[in-house]
Amino acid sequence: MNINRKEIRRRIHTRIRKKISGTDVRPRLAIHFSNKNVYAQVIDDAKGLTLACASTHDETVGRGATVASAVKTGKLIAERAKAAGVSNVVFDRGGHIYHGKVKALAEAAREAGLQF
């Protein structure tokens, strides 16, 4: 039986999603990393709506899945969430370890005003 890293991360993410969910009061800040880009969304799971989103596809952030682009994405998602009227969120690390890009994005979002 051969299990790869992607499958392990998927199992961890499933376990995390059993415990957390976004509501009207505290939507979920979900992050995703591909090999080339960083994505972040503020999601209300009760209604099934994305309230705010940011990624490295935005011109102000720039390309690349680096720590620097994760910081810029974290600041941008915090600004857009505050513009949508959201200040408190639940952080969904997407099965990733809280280290490197994940930590950089989370701390940048906290510094920009999101609370979680």
PDB file of N, CA and C in Angstrom:
ATOM      1  N   MET A   1       0.842  -1.180   0.000  1.00  0.00           N
ATOM      2  CA  MET A   1       0.000   0.000   0.000  1.00  0.00           C
ATOM      3  C   MET A   1       0.881   1.235   0.000  1.00  0.00           C
ATOM      4  N   ASN A   2       0.689   2.062  -1.001  1.00  0.00           N
ATOM      5  CA  ASN A   2       1.528   3.231  -1.173  1.00  0.00           C
ATOM      6  C   ASN A   2       0.660   4.484  -1.093  1.00  0.00           C
ATOM      7  N   ILE A   3       0.859   5.280  -0.054  1.00  0.00           N
ATOM      8  CA  ILE A   3       0.093   6.508   0.140  1.00  0.00           C
ATOM      9  C   ILE A   3       1.037   7.690  -0.074  1.00  0.00           C
ATOM     10  N   ASN A   4       0.634   8.620  -0.939  1.00  0.00           N
ATOM     11  CA  ASN A   4       1.485   9.766  -1.210  1.00  0.00           C
ATOM     12  C   ASN A   4       1.152  10.934  -0.291  1.00  0.00           C
ATOM     13  N   ARG A   5       1.959  11.981  -0.363  1.00  0.00           N
ATOM     14  CA  ARG A   5       1.802  13.138   0.514  1.00  0.00           C
ATOM     15  C   ARG A   5       0.479  13.861   0.288  1.00  0.00           C
ATOM     16  N   LYS A   6       0.029  13.903  -0.963  1.00  0.00           N
ATOM     17  CA  LYS A   6      -1.221  14.588  -1.280  1.00  0.00           C
ATOM     18  C   LYS A   6      -2.406  13.891  -0.610  1.00  0.00           C
ATOM     19  N   GLU A   7      -2.389  12.574  -0.610  1.00  0.00           N
ATOM     20  CA  GLU A   7      -3.463  11.803   0.028  1.00  0.00           C
ATOM     21  C   GLU A   7      -3.438  11.992   1.552  1.00  0.00           C
ATOM     22  N   ILE A   8      -2.268  12.041   2.132  1.00  0.00           N
ATOM     23  CA  ILE A   8      -2.150  12.265   3.575  1.00  0.00           C
ATOM     24  C   ILE A   8      -2.709  13.640   3.936  1.00  0.00           C
ATOM     25  N   ARG A   9      -2.344  14.679   3.153  1.00  0.00           N
ATOM     26  CA  ARG A   9      -2.842  16.031   3.413  1.00  0.00           C
ATOM     27  C   ARG A   9      -4.352  16.074   3.259  1.00  0.00           C
ATOM     28  N   ARG A  10      -4.892  15.364   2.271  1.00  0.00           N
ATOM     29  CA  ARG A  10      -6.339  15.327   2.053  1.00  0.00           C
ATOM     30  C   ARG A  10      -7.055  14.703   3.251  1.00  0.00           C
ATOM     31  N   ARG A  11      -6.483  13.652   3.819  1.00  0.00           N
ATOM     32  CA  ARG A  11      -7.082  13.018   4.997  1.00  0.00           C
ATOM     33  C   ARG A  11      -7.055  13.957   6.205  1.00  0.00           C
ATOM     34  N   ILE A  12      -5.946  14.647   6.393  1.00  0.00           N
ATOM     35  CA  ILE A  12      -5.845  15.607   7.504  1.00  0.00           C
ATOM     36  C   ILE A  12      -6.867  16.723   7.323  1.00  0.00           C
ATOM     37  N   HIS A  13      -7.010  17.213   6.095  1.00  0.00           N
ATOM     38  CA  HIS A  13      -7.961  18.291   5.830  1.00  0.00           C
ATOM     39  C   HIS A  13      -9.392  17.833   6.097  1.00  0.00           C
ATOM     40  N   THR A  14      -9.708  16.609   5.754  1.00  0.00           N
ATOM     41  CA  THR A  14     -11.044  16.067   6.034  1.00  0.00           C
ATOM     42  C   THR A  14     -11.297  16.026   7.531  1.00  0.00           C
ATOM     43  N   ARG A  15     -10.305  15.636   8.291  1.00  0.00           N
ATOM     44  CA  ARG A  15     -10.431  15.589   9.745  1.00  0.00           C
ATOM     45  C   ARG A  15     -10.633  16.990  10.331  1.00  0.00           C
ATOM     46  N   ILE A  16      -9.918  17.973   9.780  1.00  0.00           N
ATOM     47  CA  ILE A  16     -10.061  19.353  10.244  1.00  0.00           C
ATOM     48  C   ILE A  16     -11.458  19.883   9.932  1.00  0.00           C
ATOM     49  N   ARG A  17     -11.957  19.592   8.712  1.00  0.00           N
ATOM     50  CA  ARG A  17     -13.257  20.124   8.294  1.00  0.00           C
ATOM     51  C   ARG A  17     -14.418  19.530   9.066  1.00  0.00           C
ATOM     52  N   LYS A  18     -14.222  18.398   9.725  1.00  0.00           N
ATOM     53  CA  LYS A  18     -15.262  17.847  10.588  1.00  0.00           C
ATOM     54  C   LYS A  18     -15.472  18.737  11.805  1.00  0.00           C
ATOM     55  N   LYS A  19     -14.417  19.445  12.214  1.00  0.00           N
ATOM     56  CA  LYS A  19     -14.447  20.222  13.450  1.00  0.00           C
ATOM     57  C   LYS A  19     -14.795  21.686  13.245  1.00  0.00           C
ATOM     58  N   ILE A  20     -14.448  22.268  12.088  1.00  0.00           N
ATOM     59  CA  ILE A  20     -14.683  23.692  11.889  1.00  0.00           C
ATOM     60  C   ILE A  20     -15.645  23.929  10.735  1.00  0.00           C
ATOM     61  N   SER A  21     -16.365  25.035  10.835  1.00  0.00           N
ATOM     62  CA  SER A  21     -17.300  25.421   9.793  1.00  0.00           C
ATOM     63  C   SER A  21     -17.497  26.927   9.863  1.00  0.00           C
ATOM     64  N   GLY A  22     -17.689  27.555   8.725  1.00  0.00           N
ATOM     65  CA  GLY A  22     -17.916  28.984   8.682  1.00  0.00           C
ATOM     66  C   GLY A  22     -19.384  29.318   8.883  1.00  0.00           C
ATOM     67  N   THR A  23     -19.655  30.356   9.658  1.00  0.00           N
ATOM     68  CA  THR A  23     -21.020  30.801   9.918  1.00  0.00           C
ATOM     69  C   THR A  23     -21.153  32.267   9.511  1.00  0.00           C
ATOM     70  N   ASP A  24     -22.341  32.837   9.766  1.00  0.00           N
ATOM     71  CA  ASP A  24     -22.540  34.261   9.497  1.00  0.00           C
ATOM     72  C   ASP A  24     -21.631  35.110  10.371  1.00  0.00           C
ATOM     73  N   VAL A  25     -21.511  34.722  11.624  1.00  0.00           N
ATOM     74  CA  VAL A  25     -20.729  35.496  12.585  1.00  0.00           C
ATOM     75  C   VAL A  25     -19.233  35.318  12.351  1.00  0.00           C
ATOM     76  N   ARG A  26     -18.798  34.061  12.157  1.00  0.00           N
ATOM     77  CA  ARG A  26     -17.383  33.761  11.948  1.00  0.00           C
ATOM     78  C   ARG A  26     -17.213  32.881  10.714  1.00  0.00           C
ATOM     79  N   PRO A  27     -17.033  33.490   9.538  1.00  0.00           N
ATOM     80  CA  PRO A  27     -16.805  32.682   8.340  1.00  0.00           C
ATOM     81  C   PRO A  27     -15.423  32.019   8.378  1.00  0.00           C
ATOM     82  N   ARG A  28     -15.227  31.096   7.476  1.00  0.00           N
ATOM     83  CA  ARG A  28     -13.999  30.299   7.438  1.00  0.00           C
ATOM     84  C   ARG A  28     -13.007  30.926   6.464  1.00  0.00           C
ATOM     85  N   LEU A  29     -11.770  31.123   6.909  1.00  0.00           N
ATOM     86  CA  LEU A  29     -10.685  31.578   6.046  1.00  0.00           C
ATOM     87  C   LEU A  29      -9.951  30.343   5.560  1.00  0.00           C
ATOM     88  N   ALA A  30     -10.228  29.935   4.320  1.00  0.00           N
ATOM     89  CA  ALA A  30      -9.640  28.725   3.746  1.00  0.00           C
ATOM     90  C   ALA A  30      -8.483  29.112   2.840  1.00  0.00           C
ATOM     91  N   ILE A  31      -7.395  28.353   2.927  1.00  0.00           N
ATOM     92  CA  ILE A  31      -6.234  28.627   2.093  1.00  0.00           C
ATOM     93  C   ILE A  31      -5.921  27.405   1.239  1.00  0.00           C
ATOM     94  N   HIS A  32      -5.289  27.656   0.112  1.00  0.00           N
ATOM     95  CA  HIS A  32      -4.878  26.590  -0.790  1.00  0.00           C
ATOM     96  C   HIS A  32      -3.587  27.020  -1.469  1.00  0.00           C
ATOM     97  N   PHE A  33      -2.690  26.069  -1.637  1.00  0.00           N
ATOM     98  CA  PHE A  33      -1.432  26.331  -2.320  1.00  0.00           C
ATOM     99  C   PHE A  33      -1.286  25.366  -3.484  1.00  0.00           C
ATOM    100  N   SER A  34      -1.045  25.900  -4.662  1.00  0.00           N
ATOM    101  CA  SER A  34      -0.649  25.059  -5.777  1.00  0.00           C
ATOM    102  C   SER A  34       0.861  25.224  -5.922  1.00  0.00           C
ATOM    103  N   ASN A  35       1.432  24.625  -6.933  1.00  0.00           N
ATOM    104  CA  ASN A  35       2.872  24.780  -7.123  1.00  0.00           C
ATOM    105  C   ASN A  35       3.254  26.180  -7.572  1.00  0.00           C
ATOM    106  N   LYS A  36       2.294  26.895  -8.157  1.00  0.00           N
ATOM    107  CA  LYS A  36       2.603  28.213  -8.709  1.00  0.00           C
ATOM    108  C   LYS A  36       1.897  29.368  -8.021  1.00  0.00           C
ATOM    109  N   ASN A  37       0.830  29.111  -7.255  1.00  0.00           N
ATOM    110  CA  ASN A  37       0.021  30.203  -6.727  1.00  0.00           C
ATOM    111  C   ASN A  37      -0.428  29.950  -5.298  1.00  0.00           C
ATOM    112  N   VAL A  38      -0.872  31.031  -4.655  1.00  0.00           N
ATOM    113  CA  VAL A  38      -1.421  31.011  -3.300  1.00  0.00           C
ATOM    114  C   VAL A  38      -2.834  31.548  -3.390  1.00  0.00           C
ATOM    115  N   TYR A  39      -3.790  30.854  -2.771  1.00  0.00           N
ATOM    116  CA  TYR A  39      -5.200  31.251  -2.811  1.00  0.00           C
ATOM    117  C   TYR A  39      -5.739  31.349  -1.388  1.00  0.00           C
ATOM    118  N   ALA A  40      -6.628  32.314  -1.140  1.00  0.00           N
ATOM    119  CA  ALA A  40      -7.302  32.446   0.150  1.00  0.00           C
ATOM    120  C   ALA A  40      -8.743  32.891  -0.102  1.00  0.00           C
ATOM    121  N   GLN A  41      -9.669  32.308   0.666  1.00  0.00           N
ATOM    122  CA  GLN A  41     -11.082  32.656   0.547  1.00  0.00           C
ATOM    123  C   GLN A  41     -11.691  32.776   1.928  1.00  0.00           C
ATOM    124  N   VAL A  42     -12.628  33.709   2.078  1.00  0.00           N
ATOM    125  CA  VAL A  42     -13.446  33.806   3.280  1.00  0.00           C
ATOM    126  C   VAL A  42     -14.816  33.266   2.894  1.00  0.00           C
ATOM    127  N   ILE A  43     -15.216  32.146   3.538  1.00  0.00           N
ATOM    128  CA  ILE A  43     -16.391  31.396   3.111  1.00  0.00           C
ATOM    129  C   ILE A  43     -17.410  31.297   4.237  1.00  0.00           C
ATOM    130  N   ASP A  44     -18.671  31.547   3.904  1.00  0.00           N
ATOM    131  CA  ASP A  44     -19.785  31.295   4.811  1.00  0.00           C
ATOM    132  C   ASP A  44     -20.373  29.945   4.416  1.00  0.00           C
ATOM    133  N   ASP A  45     -20.058  28.902   5.185  1.00  0.00           N
ATOM    134  CA  ASP A  45     -20.506  27.553   4.847  1.00  0.00           C
ATOM    135  C   ASP A  45     -22.000  27.363   5.049  1.00  0.00           C
ATOM    136  N   ALA A  46     -22.609  28.130   5.948  1.00  0.00           N
ATOM    137  CA  ALA A  46     -24.044  27.985   6.193  1.00  0.00           C
ATOM    138  C   ALA A  46     -24.854  28.363   4.949  1.00  0.00           C
ATOM    139  N   LYS A  47     -24.432  29.419   4.254  1.00  0.00           N
ATOM    140  CA  LYS A  47     -25.125  29.859   3.043  1.00  0.00           C
ATOM    141  C   LYS A  47     -24.464  29.341   1.770  1.00  0.00           C
ATOM    142  N   GLY A  48     -23.226  28.864   1.884  1.00  0.00           N
ATOM    143  CA  GLY A  48     -22.504  28.398   0.706  1.00  0.00           C
ATOM    144  C   GLY A  48     -21.993  29.542  -0.151  1.00  0.00           C
ATOM    145  N   LEU A  49     -21.584  30.637   0.485  1.00  0.00           N
ATOM    146  CA  LEU A  49     -21.132  31.817  -0.242  1.00  0.00           C
ATOM    147  C   LEU A  49     -19.667  32.123   0.043  1.00  0.00           C
ATOM    148  N   THR A  50     -18.968  32.598  -0.970  1.00  0.00           N
ATOM    149  CA  THR A  50     -17.626  33.135  -0.790  1.00  0.00           C
ATOM    150  C   THR A  50     -17.770  34.638  -0.609  1.00  0.00           C
ATOM    151  N   LEU A  51     -17.351  35.136   0.556  1.00  0.00           N
ATOM    152  CA  LEU A  51     -17.511  36.550   0.872  1.00  0.00           C
ATOM    153  C   LEU A  51     -16.367  37.393   0.342  1.00  0.00           C
ATOM    154  N   ALA A  52     -15.157  36.839   0.331  1.00  0.00           N
ATOM    155  CA  ALA A  52     -13.989  37.557  -0.168  1.00  0.00           C
ATOM    156  C   ALA A  52     -12.961  36.538  -0.637  1.00  0.00           C
ATOM    157  N   CYS A  53     -12.168  36.931  -1.623  1.00  0.00           N
ATOM    158  CA  CYS A  53     -11.118  36.036  -2.095  1.00  0.00           C
ATOM    159  C   CYS A  53      -9.903  36.852  -2.521  1.00  0.00           C
ATOM    160  N   ALA A  54      -8.752  36.211  -2.458  1.00  0.00           N
ATOM    161  CA  ALA A  54      -7.505  36.835  -2.894  1.00  0.00           C
ATOM    162  C   ALA A  54      -6.562  35.725  -3.330  1.00  0.00           C
ATOM    163  N   SER A  55      -5.714  36.037  -4.277  1.00  0.00           N
ATOM    164  CA  SER A  55      -4.734  35.057  -4.734  1.00  0.00           C
ATOM    165  C   SER A  55      -3.569  35.786  -5.388  1.00  0.00           C
ATOM    166  N   THR A  56      -2.588  35.010  -5.798  1.00  0.00           N
ATOM    167  CA  THR A  56      -1.447  35.601  -6.491  1.00  0.00           C
ATOM    168  C   THR A  56      -1.777  35.918  -7.946  1.00  0.00           C
ATOM    169  N   HIS A  57      -2.990  35.634  -8.385  1.00  0.00           N
ATOM    170  CA  HIS A  57      -3.428  36.046  -9.719  1.00  0.00           C
ATOM    171  C   HIS A  57      -3.723  37.546  -9.750  1.00  0.00           C
ATOM    172  N   ASP A  58      -3.944  38.151  -8.571  1.00  0.00           N
ATOM    173  CA  ASP A  58      -4.185  39.588  -8.517  1.00  0.00           C
ATOM    174  C   ASP A  58      -2.913  40.339  -8.892  1.00  0.00           C
ATOM    175  N   GLU A  59      -3.077  41.429  -9.605  1.00  0.00           N
ATOM    176  CA  GLU A  59      -1.922  42.180 -10.100  1.00  0.00           C
ATOM    177  C   GLU A  59      -1.096  42.799  -8.980  1.00  0.00           C
ATOM    178  N   THR A  60      -1.731  43.146  -7.861  1.00  0.00           N
ATOM    179  CA  THR A  60      -1.005  43.799  -6.772  1.00  0.00           C
ATOM    180  C   THR A  60      -0.115  42.831  -6.000  1.00  0.00           C
ATOM    181  N   VAL A  61      -0.413  41.544  -6.066  1.00  0.00           N
ATOM    182  CA  VAL A  61       0.342  40.555  -5.296  1.00  0.00           C
ATOM    183  C   VAL A  61       1.536  40.042  -6.075  1.00  0.00           C
ATOM    184  N   GLY A  62       1.356  39.707  -7.320  1.00  0.00           N
ATOM    185  CA  GLY A  62       2.431  39.141  -8.121  1.00  0.00           C
ATOM    186  C   GLY A  62       2.370  37.627  -8.118  1.00  0.00           C
ATOM    187  N   ARG A  63       3.141  37.017  -8.961  1.00  0.00           N
ATOM    188  CA  ARG A  63       3.102  35.565  -9.149  1.00  0.00           C
ATOM    189  C   ARG A  63       4.053  34.855  -8.193  1.00  0.00           C
ATOM    190  N   GLY A  64       3.822  33.551  -8.045  1.00  0.00           N
ATOM    191  CA  GLY A  64       4.727  32.703  -7.284  1.00  0.00           C
ATOM    192  C   GLY A  64       4.130  32.238  -5.983  1.00  0.00           C
ATOM    193  N   ALA A  65       4.451  31.010  -5.613  1.00  0.00           N
ATOM    194  CA  ALA A  65       3.972  30.431  -4.356  1.00  0.00           C
ATOM    195  C   ALA A  65       5.085  30.516  -3.328  1.00  0.00           C
ATOM    196  N   THR A  66       5.472  31.734  -2.981  1.00  0.00           N
ATOM    197  CA  THR A  66       6.555  31.954  -2.039  1.00  0.00           C
ATOM    198  C   THR A  66       6.000  32.524  -0.735  1.00  0.00           C
ATOM    199  N   VAL A  67       6.857  32.628   0.254  1.00  0.00           N
ATOM    200  CA  VAL A  67       6.456  33.202   1.542  1.00  0.00           C
ATOM    201  C   VAL A  67       6.094  34.676   1.360  1.00  0.00           C
ATOM    202  N   ALA A  68       6.854  35.387   0.535  1.00  0.00           N
ATOM    203  CA  ALA A  68       6.569  36.808   0.302  1.00  0.00           C
ATOM    204  C   ALA A  68       5.203  37.003  -0.349  1.00  0.00           C
ATOM    205  N   SER A  69       4.857  36.168  -1.306  1.00  0.00           N
ATOM    206  CA  SER A  69       3.543  36.298  -1.942  1.00  0.00           C
ATOM    207  C   SER A  69       2.428  35.858  -0.992  1.00  0.00           C
ATOM    208  N   ALA A  70       2.720  34.929  -0.074  1.00  0.00           N
ATOM    209  CA  ALA A  70       1.729  34.534   0.923  1.00  0.00           C
ATOM    210  C   ALA A  70       1.442  35.691   1.876  1.00  0.00           C
ATOM    211  N   VAL A  71       2.456  36.465   2.218  1.00  0.00           N
ATOM    212  CA  VAL A  71       2.260  37.639   3.085  1.00  0.00           C
ATOM    213  C   VAL A  71       1.375  38.664   2.374  1.00  0.00           C
ATOM    214  N   LYS A  72       1.659  38.928   1.110  1.00  0.00           N
ATOM    215  CA  LYS A  72       0.856  39.891   0.350  1.00  0.00           C
ATOM    216  C   LYS A  72      -0.588  39.411   0.198  1.00  0.00           C
ATOM    217  N   THR A  73      -0.766  38.119  -0.018  1.00  0.00           N
ATOM    218  CA  THR A  73      -2.105  37.555  -0.145  1.00  0.00           C
ATOM    219  C   THR A  73      -2.857  37.656   1.176  1.00  0.00           C
ATOM    220  N   GLY A  74      -2.165  37.431   2.296  1.00  0.00           N
ATOM    221  CA  GLY A  74      -2.785  37.555   3.615  1.00  0.00           C
ATOM    222  C   GLY A  74      -3.264  38.966   3.895  1.00  0.00           C
ATOM    223  N   LYS A  75      -2.463  39.957   3.531  1.00  0.00           N
ATOM    224  CA  LYS A  75      -2.871  41.352   3.714  1.00  0.00           C
ATOM    225  C   LYS A  75      -4.060  41.697   2.836  1.00  0.00           C
ATOM    226  N   LEU A  76      -4.033  41.208   1.596  1.00  0.00           N
ATOM    227  CA  LEU A  76      -5.109  41.506   0.657  1.00  0.00           C
ATOM    228  C   LEU A  76      -6.423  40.853   1.079  1.00  0.00           C
ATOM    229  N   ILE A  77      -6.380  39.609   1.554  1.00  0.00           N
ATOM    230  CA  ILE A  77      -7.617  38.941   1.981  1.00  0.00           C
ATOM    231  C   ILE A  77      -8.196  39.624   3.213  1.00  0.00           C
ATOM    232  N   ALA A  78      -7.334  40.132   4.098  1.00  0.00           N
ATOM    233  CA  ALA A  78      -7.827  40.845   5.276  1.00  0.00           C
ATOM    234  C   ALA A  78      -8.515  42.147   4.873  1.00  0.00           C
ATOM    235  N   GLU A  79      -7.946  42.872   3.931  1.00  0.00           N
ATOM    236  CA  GLU A  79      -8.559  44.118   3.459  1.00  0.00           C
ATOM    237  C   GLU A  79      -9.914  43.847   2.810  1.00  0.00           C
ATOM    238  N   ARG A  80      -9.982  42.813   1.975  1.00  0.00           N
ATOM    239  CA  ARG A  80     -11.230  42.504   1.282  1.00  0.00           C
ATOM    240  C   ARG A  80     -12.284  41.956   2.238  1.00  0.00           C
ATOM    241  N   ALA A  81     -11.858  41.211   3.248  1.00  0.00           N
ATOM    242  CA  ALA A  81     -12.814  40.701   4.235  1.00  0.00           C
ATOM    243  C   ALA A  81     -13.385  41.847   5.059  1.00  0.00           C
ATOM    244  N   LYS A  82     -12.534  42.787   5.456  1.00  0.00           N
ATOM    245  CA  LYS A  82     -13.026  43.938   6.217  1.00  0.00           C
ATOM    246  C   LYS A  82     -13.966  44.787   5.373  1.00  0.00           C
ATOM    247  N   ALA A  83     -13.700  44.890   4.076  1.00  0.00           N
ATOM    248  CA  ALA A  83     -14.597  45.623   3.179  1.00  0.00           C
ATOM    249  C   ALA A  83     -15.945  44.913   3.056  1.00  0.00           C
ATOM    250  N   ALA A  84     -15.946  43.597   3.209  1.00  0.00           N
ATOM    251  CA  ALA A  84     -17.193  42.822   3.154  1.00  0.00           C
ATOM    252  C   ALA A  84     -17.891  42.767   4.509  1.00  0.00           C
ATOM    253  N   GLY A  85     -17.300  43.405   5.525  1.00  0.00           N
ATOM    254  CA  GLY A  85     -17.924  43.465   6.843  1.00  0.00           C
ATOM    255  C   GLY A  85     -17.564  42.292   7.749  1.00  0.00           C
ATOM    256  N   VAL A  86     -16.446  41.649   7.493  1.00  0.00           N
ATOM    257  CA  VAL A  86     -16.016  40.505   8.296  1.00  0.00           C
ATOM    258  C   VAL A  86     -14.756  40.882   9.069  1.00  0.00           C
ATOM    259  N   SER A  87     -14.785  40.663  10.385  1.00  0.00           N
ATOM    260  CA  SER A  87     -13.589  40.931  11.178  1.00  0.00           C
ATOM    261  C   SER A  87     -13.106  39.696  11.935  1.00  0.00           C
ATOM    262  N   ASN A  88     -14.011  38.772  12.255  1.00  0.00           N
ATOM    263  CA  ASN A  88     -13.642  37.529  12.931  1.00  0.00           C
ATOM    264  C   ASN A  88     -13.818  36.359  11.984  1.00  0.00           C
ATOM    265  N   VAL A  89     -12.805  35.481  11.909  1.00  0.00           N
ATOM    266  CA  VAL A  89     -12.871  34.310  11.044  1.00  0.00           C
ATOM    267  C   VAL A  89     -12.359  33.083  11.788  1.00  0.00           C
ATOM    268  N   VAL A  90     -12.644  31.920  11.220  1.00  0.00           N
ATOM    269  CA  VAL A  90     -12.086  30.656  11.679  1.00  0.00           C
ATOM    270  C   VAL A  90     -11.041  30.260  10.647  1.00  0.00           C
ATOM    271  N   PHE A  91      -9.829  29.962  11.079  1.00  0.00           N
ATOM    272  CA  PHE A  91      -8.744  29.674  10.151  1.00  0.00           C
ATOM    273  C   PHE A  91      -8.734  28.202   9.777  1.00  0.00           C
ATOM    274  N   ASP A  92      -8.797  27.925   8.477  1.00  0.00           N
ATOM    275  CA  ASP A  92      -8.736  26.573   7.940  1.00  0.00           C
ATOM    276  C   ASP A  92      -7.424  26.443   7.182  1.00  0.00           C
ATOM    277  N   ARG A  93      -6.468  25.743   7.775  1.00  0.00           N
ATOM    278  CA  ARG A  93      -5.138  25.643   7.183  1.00  0.00           C
ATOM    279  C   ARG A  93      -5.062  24.643   6.045  1.00  0.00           C
ATOM    280  N   GLY A  94      -6.148  23.980   5.738  1.00  0.00           N
ATOM    281  CA  GLY A  94      -6.225  23.114   4.570  1.00  0.00           C
ATOM    282  C   GLY A  94      -5.402  21.849   4.650  1.00  0.00           C
ATOM    283  N   GLY A  95      -5.119  21.381   5.855  1.00  0.00           N
ATOM    284  CA  GLY A  95      -4.340  20.165   6.011  1.00  0.00           C
ATOM    285  C   GLY A  95      -2.846  20.390   6.004  1.00  0.00           C
ATOM    286  N   HIS A  96      -2.428  21.640   5.797  1.00  0.00           N
ATOM    287  CA  HIS A  96      -1.002  21.951   5.794  1.00  0.00           C
ATOM    288  C   HIS A  96      -0.511  22.178   7.217  1.00  0.00           C
ATOM    289  N   ILE A  97       0.764  21.965   7.442  1.00  0.00           N
ATOM    290  CA  ILE A  97       1.373  22.252   8.737  1.00  0.00           C
ATOM    291  C   ILE A  97       1.445  23.764   8.906  1.00  0.00           C
ATOM    292  N   TYR A  98       1.204  24.261  10.117  1.00  0.00           N
ATOM    293  CA  TYR A  98       1.251  25.703  10.402  1.00  0.00           C
ATOM    294  C   TYR A  98       2.716  26.131  10.454  1.00  0.00           C
ATOM    295  N   HIS A  99       3.277  26.340   9.266  1.00  0.00           N
ATOM    296  CA  HIS A  99       4.696  26.638   9.135  1.00  0.00           C
ATOM    297  C   HIS A  99       4.920  27.250   7.759  1.00  0.00           C
ATOM    298  N   GLY A 100       5.887  28.110   7.618  1.00  0.00           N
ATOM    299  CA  GLY A 100       6.235  28.653   6.308  1.00  0.00           C
ATOM    300  C   GLY A 100       5.160  29.533   5.716  1.00  0.00           C
ATOM    301  N   LYS A 101       4.660  29.168   4.536  1.00  0.00           N
ATOM    302  CA  LYS A 101       3.672  29.985   3.822  1.00  0.00           C
ATOM    303  C   LYS A 101       2.367  30.104   4.591  1.00  0.00           C
ATOM    304  N   VAL A 102       1.957  29.034   5.245  1.00  0.00           N
ATOM    305  CA  VAL A 102       0.700  29.047   6.010  1.00  0.00           C
ATOM    306  C   VAL A 102       0.813  30.040   7.155  1.00  0.00           C
ATOM    307  N   LYS A 103       1.890  29.962   7.888  1.00  0.00           N
ATOM    308  CA  LYS A 103       2.114  30.860   9.024  1.00  0.00           C
ATOM    309  C   LYS A 103       2.250  32.310   8.550  1.00  0.00           C
ATOM    310  N   ALA A 104       2.959  32.524   7.450  1.00  0.00           N
ATOM    311  CA  ALA A 104       3.151  33.880   6.925  1.00  0.00           C
ATOM    312  C   ALA A 104       1.824  34.499   6.504  1.00  0.00           C
ATOM    313  N   LEU A 105       0.975  33.734   5.824  1.00  0.00           N
ATOM    314  CA  LEU A 105      -0.328  34.245   5.404  1.00  0.00           C
ATOM    315  C   LEU A 105      -1.198  34.557   6.612  1.00  0.00           C
ATOM    316  N   ALA A 106      -1.205  33.669   7.599  1.00  0.00           N
ATOM    317  CA  ALA A 106      -2.040  33.872   8.785  1.00  0.00           C
ATOM    318  C   ALA A 106      -1.588  35.097   9.583  1.00  0.00           C
ATOM    319  N   GLU A 107      -0.304  35.248   9.780  1.00  0.00           N
ATOM    320  CA  GLU A 107       0.191  36.388  10.558  1.00  0.00           C
ATOM    321  C   GLU A 107      -0.029  37.704   9.827  1.00  0.00           C
ATOM    322  N   ALA A 108       0.106  37.709   8.500  1.00  0.00           N
ATOM    323  CA  ALA A 108      -0.156  38.922   7.727  1.00  0.00           C
ATOM    324  C   ALA A 108      -1.628  39.309   7.803  1.00  0.00           C
ATOM    325  N   ALA A 109      -2.512  38.326   7.779  1.00  0.00           N
ATOM    326  CA  ALA A 109      -3.944  38.611   7.895  1.00  0.00           C
ATOM    327  C   ALA A 109      -4.272  39.145   9.280  1.00  0.00           C
ATOM    328  N   ARG A 110      -3.628  38.603  10.308  1.00  0.00           N
ATOM    329  CA  ARG A 110      -3.840  39.113  11.677  1.00  0.00           C
ATOM    330  C   ARG A 110      -3.359  40.547  11.813  1.00  0.00           C
ATOM    331  N   GLU A 111      -2.182  40.842  11.254  1.00  0.00           N
ATOM    332  CA  GLU A 111      -1.629  42.202  11.335  1.00  0.00           C
ATOM    333  C   GLU A 111      -2.520  43.200  10.591  1.00  0.00           C
ATOM    334  N   ALA A 112      -3.168  42.739   9.536  1.00  0.00           N
ATOM    335  CA  ALA A 112      -4.033  43.628   8.755  1.00  0.00           C
ATOM    336  C   ALA A 112      -5.419  43.790   9.368  1.00  0.00           C
ATOM    337  N   GLY A 113      -5.712  43.078  10.464  1.00  0.00           N
ATOM    338  CA  GLY A 113      -6.946  43.342  11.181  1.00  0.00           C
ATOM    339  C   GLY A 113      -7.913  42.184  11.348  1.00  0.00           C
ATOM    340  N   LEU A 114      -7.684  41.035  10.726  1.00  0.00           N
ATOM    341  CA  LEU A 114      -8.554  39.888  10.943  1.00  0.00           C
ATOM    342  C   LEU A 114      -8.246  39.242  12.293  1.00  0.00           C
ATOM    343  N   GLN A 115      -9.276  38.780  12.957  1.00  0.00           N
ATOM    344  CA  GLN A 115      -9.079  38.126  14.252  1.00  0.00           C
ATOM    345  C   GLN A 115      -9.477  36.666  14.150  1.00  0.00           C
ATOM    346  N   PHE A 116      -8.543  35.788  14.560  1.00  0.00           N
ATOM    347  CA  PHE A 116      -8.811  34.358  14.649  1.00  0.00           C
ATOM    348  C   PHE A 116      -7.823  33.709  15.570  1.00  0.00           C
TER     349      PHE A 116
END
